[in-house]
Amino acid sequence: MTCENLCGTVVCEEHTPKTPENALLSRRGLLSAFAGIAATIGLASFGESAMAASKTYVACKTTDITVGGAKLVTLPGTNVQIVVTRPNKTSYHAFSPYCTHQTTMLSGIQGTNLICQRHGASYNTTTGSPTGGPARGGLKRYTTTVVGTSVKVTV
């Protein structure tokens, strides 16, 4: 029923629902809260998908790489290639084997640097950070752990 039916006016104070001036949620506030909740749920499910997509592989044995060396590895059951470095006796690191300058496969190691022979870019074997040449950024780094004599990499 409207005010017209009850008292003959279009709108009156007596029959109009009152909203307290200090109401917690307006329609705009409610919609904003809903949008925030929806965004949070979306981001959470995106993060869960990313975590579910990562997988750990045995890349090689600790004895496969000499101290100061590196090895190009194709992860078992995939076509994913990584380069595993061993800058000292106890540490192993894994990186993308592609130069950030023009996505060329890295060609070797020189001292403490991975080298791209195409244009001379070089990357630190511990951090993957560029140390010279036209490199546009550091190499993508993967989490590496050693379990017994296995070097495991999470991609």
Protein backbone atom coordinates (compact mmCIF):
# COMPACT_ATOMS: atom_id res chain seq x y z
CA MET A 1 0.00 0.00 0.00
CA THR A 2 1.19 3.50 -0.77
CA CYS A 3 0.61 6.80 0.97
CA GLU A 4 -1.96 7.65 -1.75
CA ASN A 5 -4.13 4.76 -0.60
CA LEU A 6 -3.64 5.45 3.10
CA CYS A 7 -3.71 9.24 3.46
CA GLY A 8 -4.23 10.63 -0.07
CA THR A 9 -0.73 12.14 -0.50
CA VAL A 10 2.05 10.95 -2.73
CA VAL A 11 4.55 10.63 0.13
CA CYS A 12 4.19 11.38 3.79
CA GLU A 13 6.46 11.02 6.78
CA GLU A 14 4.01 8.84 8.64
CA HIS A 15 3.99 5.99 6.09
CA THR A 16 7.55 6.23 4.71
CA PRO A 17 10.00 3.74 6.27
CA LYS A 18 12.58 5.56 8.34
CA THR A 19 16.28 4.87 7.84
CA PRO A 20 18.41 5.82 10.81
CA GLU A 21 20.94 8.52 9.95
CA ASN A 22 23.70 6.36 11.37
CA ALA A 23 22.70 3.21 9.44
CA LEU A 24 25.68 0.90 8.93
CA LEU A 25 25.03 0.05 5.29
CA SER A 26 23.49 2.04 2.51
CA ARG A 27 22.71 0.35 -0.78
CA ARG A 28 26.00 1.68 -2.13
CA GLY A 29 27.84 0.38 0.94
CA LEU A 30 26.22 -3.03 0.61
CA LEU A 31 27.15 -3.29 -3.08
CA SER A 32 30.72 -2.18 -2.32
CA ALA A 33 31.02 -4.82 0.40
CA PHE A 34 29.67 -7.48 -1.95
CA ALA A 35 32.16 -6.47 -4.66
CA GLY A 36 35.01 -6.66 -2.13
CA ILE A 37 33.97 -10.11 -0.99
CA ALA A 38 33.62 -11.33 -4.59
CA ALA A 39 37.07 -9.96 -5.45
CA THR A 40 38.61 -11.61 -2.40
CA ILE A 41 37.08 -14.96 -3.28
CA GLY A 42 38.30 -14.61 -6.87
CA LEU A 43 41.84 -13.77 -5.80
CA ALA A 44 41.92 -16.59 -3.28
CA SER A 45 40.85 -19.15 -5.85
CA PHE A 46 43.43 -17.78 -8.28
CA GLY A 47 46.17 -18.23 -5.66
CA GLU A 48 44.98 -21.76 -4.90
CA SER A 49 45.11 -22.60 -8.62
CA ALA A 50 48.66 -21.30 -8.87
CA MET A 51 49.76 -23.34 -5.87
CA ALA A 52 48.07 -26.46 -7.25
CA ALA A 53 49.82 -25.94 -10.59
CA SER A 54 53.34 -25.95 -9.09
CA LYS A 55 55.04 -29.31 -8.91
CA THR A 56 58.37 -30.57 -7.57
CA TYR A 57 60.64 -32.71 -9.75
CA VAL A 58 63.91 -34.52 -9.17
CA ALA A 59 66.09 -32.55 -11.57
CA CYS A 60 69.36 -34.44 -11.10
CA LYS A 61 71.71 -36.01 -8.58
CA THR A 62 74.05 -33.86 -6.50
CA THR A 63 77.02 -35.65 -8.11
CA ASP A 64 75.87 -34.71 -11.65
CA ILE A 65 77.19 -31.14 -11.25
CA THR A 66 80.73 -30.25 -10.22
CA VAL A 67 81.38 -27.31 -7.90
CA GLY A 68 81.39 -24.17 -10.05
CA GLY A 69 79.45 -25.95 -12.79
CA ALA A 70 76.00 -26.01 -14.29
CA LYS A 71 73.80 -28.51 -16.06
CA LEU A 72 70.91 -28.14 -18.52
CA VAL A 73 68.08 -30.43 -17.40
CA THR A 74 64.74 -31.40 -18.94
CA LEU A 75 62.40 -32.13 -16.05
CA PRO A 76 61.09 -35.73 -16.08
CA GLY A 77 57.78 -36.22 -17.88
CA THR A 78 57.75 -32.64 -19.22
CA ASN A 79 59.34 -30.56 -21.93
CA VAL A 80 60.39 -27.93 -19.35
CA GLN A 81 64.09 -27.15 -19.41
CA ILE A 82 66.01 -25.53 -16.56
CA VAL A 83 69.64 -24.91 -15.78
CA VAL A 84 70.88 -26.06 -12.37
CA THR A 85 74.00 -24.40 -10.99
CA ARG A 86 76.31 -25.39 -8.14
CA PRO A 87 78.30 -22.30 -7.13
CA ASN A 88 79.78 -24.03 -4.08
CA LYS A 89 79.89 -27.46 -2.45
CA THR A 90 76.55 -27.18 -0.64
CA SER A 91 74.28 -24.93 -2.73
CA TYR A 92 72.27 -25.60 -5.88
CA HIS A 93 70.16 -23.08 -7.79
CA ALA A 94 67.77 -23.48 -10.72
CA PHE A 95 66.93 -20.92 -13.39
CA SER A 96 65.26 -20.58 -16.75
CA PRO A 97 67.90 -21.37 -19.38
CA TYR A 98 66.78 -18.52 -21.66
CA CYS A 99 68.51 -15.15 -21.98
CA THR A 100 66.23 -12.25 -21.07
CA HIS A 101 67.56 -10.18 -23.97
CA GLN A 102 66.15 -12.21 -26.88
CA THR A 103 65.04 -15.53 -25.34
CA THR A 104 68.09 -17.37 -26.68
CA MET A 105 69.23 -20.53 -24.89
CA LEU A 106 72.17 -19.86 -22.56
CA SER A 107 75.31 -21.42 -23.94
CA GLY A 108 77.65 -22.03 -21.04
CA ILE A 109 79.33 -20.99 -17.85
CA GLN A 110 82.34 -18.74 -17.36
CA GLY A 111 83.61 -18.33 -13.80
CA THR A 112 80.56 -17.40 -11.72
CA ASN A 113 78.41 -16.42 -14.70
CA LEU A 114 76.02 -18.19 -17.05
CA ILE A 115 76.70 -16.90 -20.54
CA CYS A 116 74.61 -16.20 -23.63
CA GLN A 117 76.99 -16.29 -26.59
CA ARG A 118 74.54 -14.58 -28.96
CA HIS A 119 75.08 -11.02 -27.65
CA GLY A 120 77.28 -11.51 -24.59
CA ALA A 121 74.75 -11.27 -21.76
CA SER A 122 75.81 -12.90 -18.49
CA TYR A 123 74.04 -13.89 -15.26
CA ASN A 124 75.24 -14.69 -11.75
CA THR A 125 75.13 -18.44 -11.01
CA THR A 126 73.83 -17.87 -7.46
CA THR A 127 71.15 -15.21 -8.00
CA GLY A 128 70.40 -15.24 -11.73
CA SER A 129 70.89 -11.45 -11.75
CA PRO A 130 72.41 -9.95 -14.88
CA THR A 131 76.12 -9.20 -14.61
CA GLY A 132 76.79 -7.90 -18.12
CA GLY A 133 75.66 -7.46 -21.69
CA PRO A 134 72.24 -6.50 -22.98
CA ALA A 135 70.26 -8.59 -20.48
CA ARG A 136 66.88 -7.00 -19.69
CA GLY A 137 66.50 -8.53 -16.24
CA GLY A 138 67.35 -11.52 -14.11
CA LEU A 139 66.67 -15.12 -15.02
CA LYS A 140 63.48 -16.70 -13.72
CA ARG A 141 64.46 -18.52 -10.54
CA TYR A 142 62.96 -21.78 -9.26
CA THR A 143 62.90 -23.11 -5.70
CA THR A 144 65.60 -25.75 -5.25
CA THR A 145 66.03 -28.21 -2.39
CA VAL A 146 68.43 -31.08 -1.80
CA VAL A 147 67.04 -34.30 -0.34
CA GLY A 148 69.73 -36.92 0.16
CA THR A 149 71.56 -37.00 -3.18
CA SER A 150 68.62 -35.61 -5.20
CA VAL A 151 68.35 -32.00 -6.36
CA LYS A 152 64.64 -31.17 -6.42
CA VAL A 153 63.17 -28.20 -8.26
CA THR A 154 59.67 -26.73 -7.94
CA VAL A 155 58.23 -25.15 -11.08
